[in-house]
Amino acid sequence: MTRLLSPATHLRALLALGLPLVGSHLAQMLLHVVDTVIVGWYGVAELAAVVIGGSCFFVVFVLGAGFAQAVMPLVAQAIGRGDETEVRRATRMGLWLSIGCGLIAYPLFWWAEPILLAAGQKPEVAALARDFLRIAGLGLAPALLVMALKSYLAALERTQVVLWLTLGAVFVNGALCYALVFGHWGAPEMGVAGAGLASALVQGLTCAALALYAGWLPELRRFNLFQRFWRPDWHAMALVFRLGWPIGLTGLAESGLFQATALMMGWIGTVQLAAHGIAMQVTALGFMLHLGLSNAATVRTGRFAGAGDWGNLRRGALVAIAISAAVGLAQVALYLSYPEPIVGLFIDHANPEAAEIIAFGSLLLAFAAAFQLADAAQVLALGFLRGVHDTRVPMWIASFAYWAVGIPTSWFLAFRAGLGGTGLWLGLVIGLVIASALLMWRFWSRVPRPV
């Protein structure tokens, strides 16, 4: 019988792996926050366009990132079994599929304007969002490759480099975005297109740096990650595809919930959409804490599952849940205590609509506090389930909770019950609570008890 590790040992291991991942996710999110803040200073219509354009980019990215995220549990279980060949095969095909997704999806960004107009967005916002997406969309393939390489390195517990490279990207992106949006330091004034160009350039630079590290670091050379990279491995590609497409659709179900809410908020008004975008940015930053912990849980769960160590798998999951709950409660206290100062960071106070945006955004943060624990629980449960290669049933659970319950409830409360934007967010709360309960039940009912 395998010796059970103490809760303190699990705690240290999760934090050692998870904190750099949390930091890298926060830094990655800051790339978008910086764009939002800078464009918010530029104009309200431009801010609304970047909010809706960034949401569209994120939806496509999440769908394609399923294959990149599948690399993490596949590599983790391979390491648990001591199979280094499988590490290389799974990662390579994850990179192949990421490139393919980036190329296939670009036409959606090119034709963004008629799509957004058909979805009911205002012509000015749709045109500006098109300008942003046509350039930012060029960074999709590099962004997906970055995700695949981060999954590979995380599974090998090489997370520090991911953190530092992503932090560096935040500063480079901030400088480029500021220069290209406003036309400072000799750069042309490009408005929202400048924000898109800065994002695409930074994604490309980050991808190149991670590839150099993963392929040529002496400690990682034994995996021969890029040796004969051009040769297909159809069996490994099928494994990544089978595990990855449900992950992508699960992420699409959740991100689509938020995207649909943004579209419906656009029907209510530009000020409400801008406030919604700010509140979403704030809550997304908090979500990165739980996403990093979920990634660490996937790696730990995958390694224990690969070794057949179910006792430590279950104990490690309980420790991860305790950490996530503590962080979630702290976030609830923050959102309820300081809503106006938080929202005020994202808007130019000289703007005549600033007071209205801050007031409505502060109200939305109260709803964000309400679903914080549920949102944390559902992403952590997904991390556990991916570690044991269970992705299809969780996909159906998420689709039901978000689209059969969350979206209809949001629409009804906003437009039939007359609650407006607050009704949209109340529907989010209901969908997330149902998802978290069902996903946690799925995990604990599926994992064997130690004998």
Protein backbone atom coordinates (compact mmCIF):
# COMPACT_ATOMS: atom_id res chain seq x y z
CA MET A 1 0.00 0.00 0.00
CA THR A 2 1.33 3.46 -0.95
CA ARG A 3 2.15 5.72 1.98
CA LEU A 4 -0.27 8.61 2.34
CA LEU A 5 1.37 12.01 2.29
CA SER A 6 0.41 14.46 5.02
CA PRO A 7 -1.94 17.37 4.22
CA ALA A 8 0.97 19.74 4.85
CA THR A 9 3.04 17.92 2.21
CA HIS A 10 0.20 18.18 -0.29
CA LEU A 11 -0.20 21.84 0.58
CA ARG A 12 3.47 22.62 -0.03
CA ALA A 13 3.51 20.70 -3.31
CA LEU A 14 0.34 22.36 -4.60
CA LEU A 15 1.59 25.83 -3.70
CA ALA A 16 5.07 25.24 -5.13
CA LEU A 17 3.51 24.20 -8.43
CA GLY A 18 0.42 26.38 -8.33
CA LEU A 19 1.73 29.79 -7.25
CA PRO A 20 3.88 30.32 -10.36
CA LEU A 21 0.93 29.15 -12.47
CA VAL A 22 -1.35 31.58 -10.65
CA GLY A 23 1.18 34.34 -11.28
CA SER A 24 1.49 33.47 -14.96
CA HIS A 25 -2.30 33.39 -15.42
CA LEU A 26 -2.64 36.73 -13.64
CA ALA A 27 0.09 38.18 -15.83
CA GLN A 28 -1.59 36.76 -18.94
CA MET A 29 -4.86 38.33 -17.88
CA LEU A 30 -3.10 41.61 -17.20
CA LEU A 31 -2.25 41.75 -20.89
CA HIS A 32 -5.97 42.19 -21.58
CA VAL A 33 -6.55 44.40 -18.55
CA VAL A 34 -3.82 46.79 -19.72
CA ASP A 35 -5.46 46.95 -23.16
CA THR A 36 -8.82 47.71 -21.54
CA VAL A 37 -7.43 50.41 -19.26
CA ILE A 38 -5.48 52.17 -22.02
CA VAL A 39 -8.35 52.02 -24.52
CA GLY A 40 -10.74 53.14 -21.77
CA TRP A 41 -8.70 56.33 -21.50
CA TYR A 42 -8.99 56.73 -25.28
CA GLY A 43 -12.81 56.65 -25.54
CA VAL A 44 -16.03 54.96 -24.38
CA ALA A 45 -17.00 53.60 -27.82
CA GLU A 46 -13.47 52.25 -28.26
CA LEU A 47 -13.64 50.65 -24.82
CA ALA A 48 -16.93 48.94 -25.69
CA ALA A 49 -15.39 47.70 -28.96
CA VAL A 50 -12.34 46.20 -27.24
CA VAL A 51 -14.60 44.60 -24.62
CA ILE A 52 -16.73 42.91 -27.26
CA GLY A 53 -13.78 42.19 -29.55
CA GLY A 54 -11.70 40.78 -26.72
CA SER A 55 -14.63 38.60 -25.69
CA CYS A 56 -14.91 37.24 -29.25
CA PHE A 57 -11.18 36.52 -29.39
CA PHE A 58 -11.34 34.78 -26.02
CA VAL A 59 -14.25 32.54 -27.07
CA VAL A 60 -12.32 31.30 -30.13
CA PHE A 61 -9.12 30.98 -28.09
CA VAL A 62 -10.84 28.87 -25.43
CA LEU A 63 -12.23 26.47 -28.03
CA GLY A 64 -8.84 25.98 -29.67
CA ALA A 65 -7.01 25.79 -26.33
CA GLY A 66 -8.70 22.49 -25.50
CA PHE A 67 -5.96 20.65 -27.40
CA ALA A 68 -3.24 22.66 -25.69
CA GLN A 69 -4.76 21.95 -22.28
CA ALA A 70 -5.01 18.23 -23.09
CA VAL A 71 -1.21 18.18 -23.17
CA MET A 72 -1.06 18.76 -19.41
CA PRO A 73 -2.87 15.63 -18.13
CA LEU A 74 -1.40 13.45 -20.89
CA VAL A 75 2.16 14.47 -20.00
CA ALA A 76 1.46 14.29 -16.24
CA GLN A 77 0.17 10.71 -16.46
CA ALA A 78 3.05 9.75 -18.77
CA ILE A 79 5.52 11.06 -16.19
CA GLY A 80 3.66 9.15 -13.47
CA ARG A 81 4.13 5.96 -15.53
CA GLY A 82 7.75 6.82 -16.40
CA ASP A 83 6.98 6.97 -20.16
CA GLU A 84 9.17 9.78 -21.57
CA THR A 85 8.39 8.90 -25.20
CA GLU A 86 4.70 9.62 -24.64
CA VAL A 87 5.64 13.01 -23.21
CA ARG A 88 7.19 14.04 -26.51
CA ARG A 89 4.47 12.53 -28.70
CA ALA A 90 1.55 14.16 -26.87
CA THR A 91 3.19 17.57 -26.73
CA ARG A 92 4.16 17.65 -30.39
CA MET A 93 0.67 16.80 -31.58
CA GLY A 94 -0.79 19.34 -29.16
CA LEU A 95 1.39 21.94 -30.89
CA TRP A 96 0.28 20.73 -34.33
CA LEU A 97 -3.39 20.98 -33.44
CA SER A 98 -2.86 24.44 -31.93
CA ILE A 99 -1.34 25.74 -35.17
CA GLY A 100 -4.21 24.26 -37.16
CA CYS A 101 -6.84 25.91 -34.96
CA GLY A 102 -5.16 29.30 -35.27
CA LEU A 103 -5.19 29.14 -39.07
CA ILE A 104 -8.74 27.83 -39.41
CA ALA A 105 -10.26 30.41 -37.03
CA TYR A 106 -8.77 33.59 -38.53
CA PRO A 107 -11.55 34.18 -41.11
CA LEU A 108 -13.98 34.64 -38.20
CA PHE A 109 -11.95 37.66 -37.08
CA TRP A 110 -11.72 39.08 -40.60
CA TRP A 111 -15.52 39.00 -41.00
CA ALA A 112 -16.25 40.11 -37.44
CA GLU A 113 -18.26 43.22 -38.37
CA PRO A 114 -21.23 41.52 -40.10
CA ILE A 115 -21.27 38.85 -37.39
CA LEU A 116 -21.49 41.46 -34.63
CA LEU A 117 -24.11 43.48 -36.51
CA ALA A 118 -26.21 40.33 -36.89
CA ALA A 119 -25.84 39.82 -33.14
CA GLY A 120 -27.40 43.22 -32.49
CA GLN A 121 -24.34 45.37 -31.77
CA LYS A 122 -24.28 49.07 -32.64
CA PRO A 123 -22.62 49.85 -36.03
CA GLU A 124 -19.91 52.06 -34.51
CA VAL A 125 -18.92 49.42 -31.95
CA ALA A 126 -19.01 46.62 -34.56
CA ALA A 127 -16.73 48.55 -36.95
CA LEU A 128 -14.19 49.34 -34.23
CA ALA A 129 -14.26 45.72 -32.98
CA ARG A 130 -13.53 44.57 -36.56
CA ASP A 131 -10.46 46.82 -36.70
CA PHE A 132 -9.23 45.34 -33.43
CA LEU A 133 -9.89 41.69 -34.33
CA ARG A 134 -8.38 41.74 -37.82
CA ILE A 135 -5.00 42.50 -36.28
CA ALA A 136 -5.32 40.81 -32.86
CA GLY A 137 -6.50 37.63 -34.61
CA LEU A 138 -3.03 37.18 -36.11
CA GLY A 139 -1.86 36.41 -32.59
CA LEU A 140 -4.26 33.48 -32.09
CA ALA A 141 -1.93 30.73 -33.34
CA PRO A 142 1.02 31.99 -31.24
CA ALA A 143 -1.29 32.32 -28.23
CA LEU A 144 -2.43 28.70 -28.60
CA LEU A 145 1.17 27.55 -28.97
CA VAL A 146 2.02 29.44 -25.78
CA MET A 147 -0.79 27.58 -23.99
CA ALA A 148 0.46 24.19 -25.25
CA LEU A 149 4.04 24.91 -24.18
CA LYS A 150 2.86 26.16 -20.78
CA SER A 151 0.90 22.90 -20.34
CA TYR A 152 3.99 20.87 -21.23
CA LEU A 153 6.24 22.78 -18.84
CA ALA A 154 3.65 22.76 -16.04
CA ALA A 155 3.30 18.98 -16.27
CA LEU A 156 7.08 18.76 -15.91
CA GLU A 157 6.84 21.19 -12.94
CA ARG A 158 8.83 23.84 -14.82
CA THR A 159 6.59 26.78 -14.05
CA GLN A 160 8.99 29.54 -12.99
CA VAL A 161 10.03 30.40 -16.55
CA VAL A 162 6.40 30.64 -17.59
CA LEU A 163 5.79 33.15 -14.81
CA TRP A 164 8.77 35.38 -15.61
CA LEU A 165 8.21 35.38 -19.36
CA THR A 166 4.55 36.27 -18.93
CA LEU A 167 5.38 39.06 -16.49
CA GLY A 168 7.87 40.46 -18.98
CA ALA A 169 5.20 40.32 -21.67
CA VAL A 170 2.90 42.49 -19.55
CA PHE A 171 5.39 45.35 -19.50
CA VAL A 172 6.22 45.02 -23.21
CA ASN A 173 2.51 44.93 -24.08
CA GLY A 174 1.76 47.96 -21.92
CA ALA A 175 4.44 50.05 -23.60
CA LEU A 176 3.48 48.95 -27.11
CA CYS A 177 -0.25 49.42 -26.49
CA TYR A 178 0.20 52.91 -25.04
CA ALA A 179 2.42 53.97 -27.93
CA LEU A 180 0.27 52.51 -30.70
CA VAL A 181 -3.15 53.52 -29.34
CA PHE A 182 -2.28 57.18 -28.66
CA GLY A 183 0.60 57.62 -31.13
CA HIS A 184 3.32 58.35 -28.58
CA TRP A 185 7.12 57.97 -28.92
CA GLY A 186 7.00 58.33 -32.70
CA ALA A 187 4.45 55.55 -33.26
CA PRO A 188 1.33 56.16 -35.38
CA GLU A 189 -1.97 56.77 -33.56
CA MET A 190 -3.92 53.59 -34.36
CA GLY A 191 -6.64 53.54 -31.69
CA VAL A 192 -8.16 50.09 -31.16
CA ALA A 193 -6.08 48.65 -34.02
CA GLY A 194 -2.96 49.61 -32.06
CA ALA A 195 -4.17 47.58 -29.10
CA GLY A 196 -4.66 44.60 -31.41
CA LEU A 197 -1.20 44.97 -32.94
CA ALA A 198 0.48 45.19 -29.53
CA SER A 199 -1.30 42.01 -28.41
CA ALA A 200 -0.34 40.05 -31.55
CA LEU A 201 3.32 41.10 -31.33
CA VAL A 202 3.60 40.14 -27.67
CA GLN A 203 2.02 36.72 -28.26
CA GLY A 204 4.55 36.01 -30.99
CA LEU A 205 7.52 37.05 -28.85
CA THR A 206 6.31 34.97 -25.88
CA CYS A 207 5.83 31.93 -28.10
CA ALA A 208 9.36 32.19 -29.48
CA ALA A 209 10.88 32.54 -26.01
CA LEU A 210 8.99 29.54 -24.57
CA ALA A 211 9.89 27.39 -27.58
CA LEU A 212 13.57 28.19 -27.11
CA TYR A 213 13.39 27.27 -23.44
CA ALA A 214 11.39 24.07 -23.95
CA GLY A 215 13.49 22.83 -26.84
CA TRP A 216 17.02 23.67 -25.81
CA LEU A 217 17.24 23.81 -22.03
CA PRO A 218 19.82 21.10 -21.14
CA GLU A 219 17.54 19.47 -18.52
CA LEU A 220 14.73 19.11 -21.09
CA ARG A 221 16.72 18.02 -24.12
CA ARG A 222 16.15 14.35 -23.34
CA PHE A 223 12.55 14.74 -24.52
CA ASN A 224 13.72 15.87 -28.02
CA LEU A 225 10.58 17.97 -28.34
CA PHE A 226 11.35 19.57 -31.72
CA GLN A 227 13.40 16.78 -33.31
CA ARG A 228 11.73 15.93 -36.67
CA PHE A 229 8.83 18.12 -35.60
CA TRP A 230 7.38 18.05 -39.13
CA ARG A 231 6.60 14.31 -38.95
CA PRO A 232 2.98 13.51 -38.04
CA ASP A 233 2.16 11.05 -35.26
CA TRP A 234 -1.44 10.08 -36.00
CA HIS A 235 -1.92 7.88 -32.94
CA ALA A 236 -0.74 10.59 -30.54
CA MET A 237 -2.76 13.20 -32.43
CA ALA A 238 -5.88 11.08 -31.96
CA LEU A 239 -5.21 10.84 -28.21
CA VAL A 240 -4.79 14.59 -27.89
CA PHE A 241 -7.84 15.22 -30.06
CA ARG A 242 -10.09 12.83 -28.11
CA LEU A 243 -9.12 14.36 -24.78
CA GLY A 244 -8.91 17.94 -26.04
CA TRP A 245 -12.10 18.57 -27.98
CA PRO A 246 -14.35 18.10 -24.92
CA ILE A 247 -12.05 20.42 -22.94
CA GLY A 248 -12.40 23.05 -25.66
CA LEU A 249 -16.18 22.71 -25.81
CA THR A 250 -16.40 22.85 -22.01
CA GLY A 251 -14.43 26.08 -22.04
CA LEU A 252 -16.60 27.33 -24.89
CA ALA A 253 -19.75 26.56 -22.90
CA GLU A 254 -18.50 28.65 -19.97
CA SER A 255 -16.92 31.48 -21.95
CA GLY A 256 -19.94 31.49 -24.25
CA LEU A 257 -22.10 32.07 -21.19
CA PHE A 258 -20.15 35.25 -20.44
CA GLN A 259 -19.97 36.24 -24.12
CA ALA A 260 -23.74 35.87 -24.52
CA THR A 261 -24.17 38.01 -21.43
CA ALA A 262 -21.92 40.67 -22.97
CA LEU A 263 -23.97 40.61 -26.19
CA MET A 264 -27.22 40.98 -24.26
CA MET A 265 -25.68 43.76 -22.18
CA GLY A 266 -24.90 45.52 -25.46
CA TRP A 267 -28.63 45.48 -26.24
CA ILE A 268 -29.23 47.44 -23.01
CA GLY A 269 -26.67 50.20 -23.67
CA THR A 270 -23.04 51.19 -24.31
CA VAL A 271 -22.51 52.46 -20.76
CA GLN A 272 -23.82 49.20 -19.32
CA LEU A 273 -21.60 47.20 -21.69
CA ALA A 274 -18.54 49.20 -20.65
CA ALA A 275 -19.34 48.64 -16.96
CA HIS A 276 -19.93 44.96 -17.64
CA GLY A 277 -16.54 44.70 -19.34
CA ILE A 278 -14.79 46.29 -16.37
CA ALA A 279 -16.55 44.03 -13.86
CA MET A 280 -15.69 41.01 -15.98
CA GLN A 281 -12.04 42.03 -16.09
CA VAL A 282 -11.96 42.29 -12.30
CA THR A 283 -13.64 38.94 -11.72
CA ALA A 284 -11.50 37.31 -14.41
CA LEU A 285 -8.38 38.44 -12.55
CA GLY A 286 -9.72 36.73 -9.42
CA PHE A 287 -10.60 33.64 -11.46
CA MET A 288 -6.96 33.31 -12.54
CA LEU A 289 -6.07 32.40 -8.94
CA HIS A 290 -8.38 29.41 -9.06
CA LEU A 291 -7.39 28.51 -12.62
CA GLY A 292 -3.73 28.28 -11.59
CA LEU A 293 -4.66 26.08 -8.65
CA SER A 294 -6.82 23.96 -10.97
CA ASN A 295 -3.84 23.47 -13.32
CA ALA A 296 -1.67 22.41 -10.40
CA ALA A 297 -4.40 20.00 -9.30
CA THR A 298 -4.52 18.54 -12.82
CA VAL A 299 -0.79 17.85 -12.74
CA ARG A 300 -0.85 16.36 -9.23
CA THR A 301 -3.98 14.33 -9.96
CA GLY A 302 -2.55 13.11 -13.24
CA ARG A 303 0.69 11.94 -11.66
CA PHE A 304 -1.11 10.11 -8.86
CA ALA A 305 -3.53 8.55 -11.36
CA GLY A 306 -0.64 7.44 -13.59
CA ALA A 307 0.95 5.74 -10.59
CA GLY A 308 -2.41 4.30 -9.38
CA ASP A 309 -2.07 6.14 -6.05
CA TRP A 310 -5.76 6.86 -5.34
CA GLY A 311 -5.32 7.62 -1.64
CA ASN A 312 -2.96 10.52 -2.23
CA LEU A 313 -5.05 11.66 -5.18
CA ARG A 314 -8.14 12.04 -2.97
CA ARG A 315 -6.25 13.67 -0.10
CA GLY A 316 -4.54 16.12 -2.44
CA ALA A 317 -7.92 17.06 -3.92
CA LEU A 318 -9.30 17.89 -0.45
CA VAL A 319 -6.32 20.14 0.26
CA ALA A 320 -6.80 21.93 -3.07
CA ILE A 321 -10.48 22.52 -2.28
CA ALA A 322 -9.57 24.04 1.11
CA ILE A 323 -7.07 26.42 -0.50
CA SER A 324 -9.55 27.50 -3.17
CA ALA A 325 -12.32 28.11 -0.63
CA ALA A 326 -10.07 30.31 1.50
CA VAL A 327 -9.03 32.40 -1.50
CA GLY A 328 -12.64 32.69 -2.66
CA LEU A 329 -13.82 34.03 0.68
CA ALA A 330 -11.08 36.67 0.64
CA GLN A 331 -12.19 37.77 -2.83
CA VAL A 332 -15.81 38.04 -1.70
CA ALA A 333 -14.73 40.36 1.12
CA LEU A 334 -12.68 42.50 -1.29
CA TYR A 335 -15.44 42.93 -3.88
CA LEU A 336 -18.03 43.85 -1.24
CA SER A 337 -15.76 46.25 0.64
CA TYR A 338 -14.16 48.30 -2.17
CA PRO A 339 -16.31 48.12 -5.33
CA GLU A 340 -16.16 51.77 -6.40
CA PRO A 341 -12.36 52.23 -6.07
CA ILE A 342 -11.83 48.98 -8.00
CA VAL A 343 -14.10 49.93 -10.90
CA GLY A 344 -12.73 53.49 -10.89
CA LEU A 345 -9.28 52.22 -11.84
CA PHE A 346 -10.57 51.31 -15.31
CA ILE A 347 -12.17 54.58 -16.41
CA ASP A 348 -11.15 58.18 -17.03
CA HIS A 349 -12.98 60.16 -14.32
CA ALA A 350 -13.12 63.22 -16.59
CA ASN A 351 -15.43 61.32 -18.95
CA PRO A 352 -19.03 62.58 -18.54
CA GLU A 353 -20.30 58.98 -18.35
CA ALA A 354 -17.72 57.88 -15.76
CA ALA A 355 -20.00 58.21 -12.71
CA GLU A 356 -22.71 56.08 -14.32
CA ILE A 357 -20.22 53.41 -15.38
CA ILE A 358 -18.67 53.27 -11.89
CA ALA A 359 -22.08 53.03 -10.18
CA PHE A 360 -23.31 50.19 -12.40
CA GLY A 361 -19.97 48.36 -12.33
CA SER A 362 -19.94 48.49 -8.53
CA LEU A 363 -23.37 46.87 -8.44
CA LEU A 364 -22.17 44.10 -10.75
CA LEU A 365 -19.23 43.37 -8.44
CA ALA A 366 -21.72 42.50 -5.70
CA PHE A 367 -23.08 39.76 -7.98
CA ALA A 368 -19.52 38.68 -8.76
CA ALA A 369 -18.99 38.14 -5.05
CA ALA A 370 -22.10 35.96 -5.01
CA PHE A 371 -20.80 33.50 -7.62
CA GLN A 372 -17.11 33.60 -6.66
CA LEU A 373 -17.07 30.38 -4.62
CA ALA A 374 -19.17 28.50 -7.19
CA ASP A 375 -16.92 29.64 -10.03
CA ALA A 376 -13.87 28.51 -8.08
CA ALA A 377 -15.41 25.11 -7.31
CA GLN A 378 -16.37 24.36 -10.91
CA VAL A 379 -12.95 25.13 -12.38
CA LEU A 380 -11.22 23.13 -9.65
CA ALA A 381 -13.51 20.14 -10.29
CA LEU A 382 -12.70 20.36 -14.00
CA GLY A 383 -8.99 20.29 -13.14
CA PHE A 384 -9.45 17.14 -11.06
CA LEU A 385 -11.46 15.42 -13.79
CA ARG A 386 -8.95 16.28 -16.51
CA GLY A 387 -6.20 14.77 -14.39
CA VAL A 388 -7.99 11.41 -14.58
CA HIS A 389 -8.78 11.92 -18.31
CA ASP A 390 -12.51 12.41 -17.73
CA THR A 391 -13.58 15.19 -20.12
CA ARG A 392 -16.69 14.15 -22.07
CA VAL A 393 -19.29 13.91 -19.28
CA PRO A 394 -18.00 17.18 -17.70
CA MET A 395 -18.54 18.79 -21.12
CA TRP A 396 -22.21 17.79 -21.08
CA ILE A 397 -22.61 18.90 -17.47
CA ALA A 398 -21.15 22.32 -18.25
CA SER A 399 -23.28 22.70 -21.38
CA PHE A 400 -26.44 21.92 -19.44
CA ALA A 401 -25.64 24.23 -16.52
CA TYR A 402 -24.56 27.19 -18.64
CA TRP A 403 -26.83 26.97 -21.68
CA ALA A 404 -29.94 25.10 -20.57
CA VAL A 405 -30.09 26.97 -17.25
CA GLY A 406 -27.77 30.00 -17.11
CA ILE A 407 -28.48 31.73 -20.44
CA PRO A 408 -32.29 31.31 -20.44
CA THR A 409 -32.42 32.46 -16.82
CA SER A 410 -30.29 35.53 -17.57
CA TRP A 411 -32.45 36.48 -20.55
CA PHE A 412 -35.70 36.00 -18.63
CA LEU A 413 -34.60 37.96 -15.58
CA ALA A 414 -33.15 40.81 -17.68
CA PHE A 415 -35.83 41.29 -20.34
CA ARG A 416 -38.99 39.63 -19.03
CA ALA A 417 -38.70 40.23 -15.29
CA GLY A 418 -37.40 43.75 -15.96
CA LEU A 419 -34.19 43.47 -13.92
CA GLY A 420 -31.94 44.66 -16.77
CA GLY A 421 -28.20 44.15 -16.38
CA THR A 422 -28.48 42.90 -12.80
CA GLY A 423 -30.80 40.13 -14.03
CA LEU A 424 -28.17 39.05 -16.54
CA TRP A 425 -25.64 38.59 -13.78
CA LEU A 426 -28.09 36.81 -11.49
CA GLY A 427 -28.52 34.22 -14.23
CA LEU A 428 -24.74 33.75 -14.24
CA VAL A 429 -24.83 32.99 -10.52
CA ILE A 430 -27.50 30.32 -10.94
CA GLY A 431 -25.71 28.59 -13.83
CA LEU A 432 -22.36 28.50 -12.03
CA VAL A 433 -23.83 27.10 -8.81
CA ILE A 434 -25.43 24.20 -10.69
CA ALA A 435 -22.24 23.49 -12.65
CA SER A 436 -20.03 23.42 -9.55
CA ALA A 437 -22.34 21.04 -7.66
CA LEU A 438 -22.65 18.56 -10.54
CA LEU A 439 -18.94 18.58 -11.45
CA MET A 440 -17.81 18.01 -7.87
CA TRP A 441 -20.28 15.13 -7.56
CA ARG A 442 -18.90 13.65 -10.79
CA PHE A 443 -15.31 13.70 -9.53
CA TRP A 444 -15.91 12.20 -6.10
CA SER A 445 -18.20 9.52 -7.49
CA ARG A 446 -15.65 8.46 -10.13
CA VAL A 447 -12.37 8.33 -8.22
CA PRO A 448 -11.73 4.89 -6.62
CA ARG A 449 -11.32 4.68 -2.88
CA PRO A 450 -7.97 3.24 -1.74
CA VAL A 451 -8.03 -0.36 -0.51
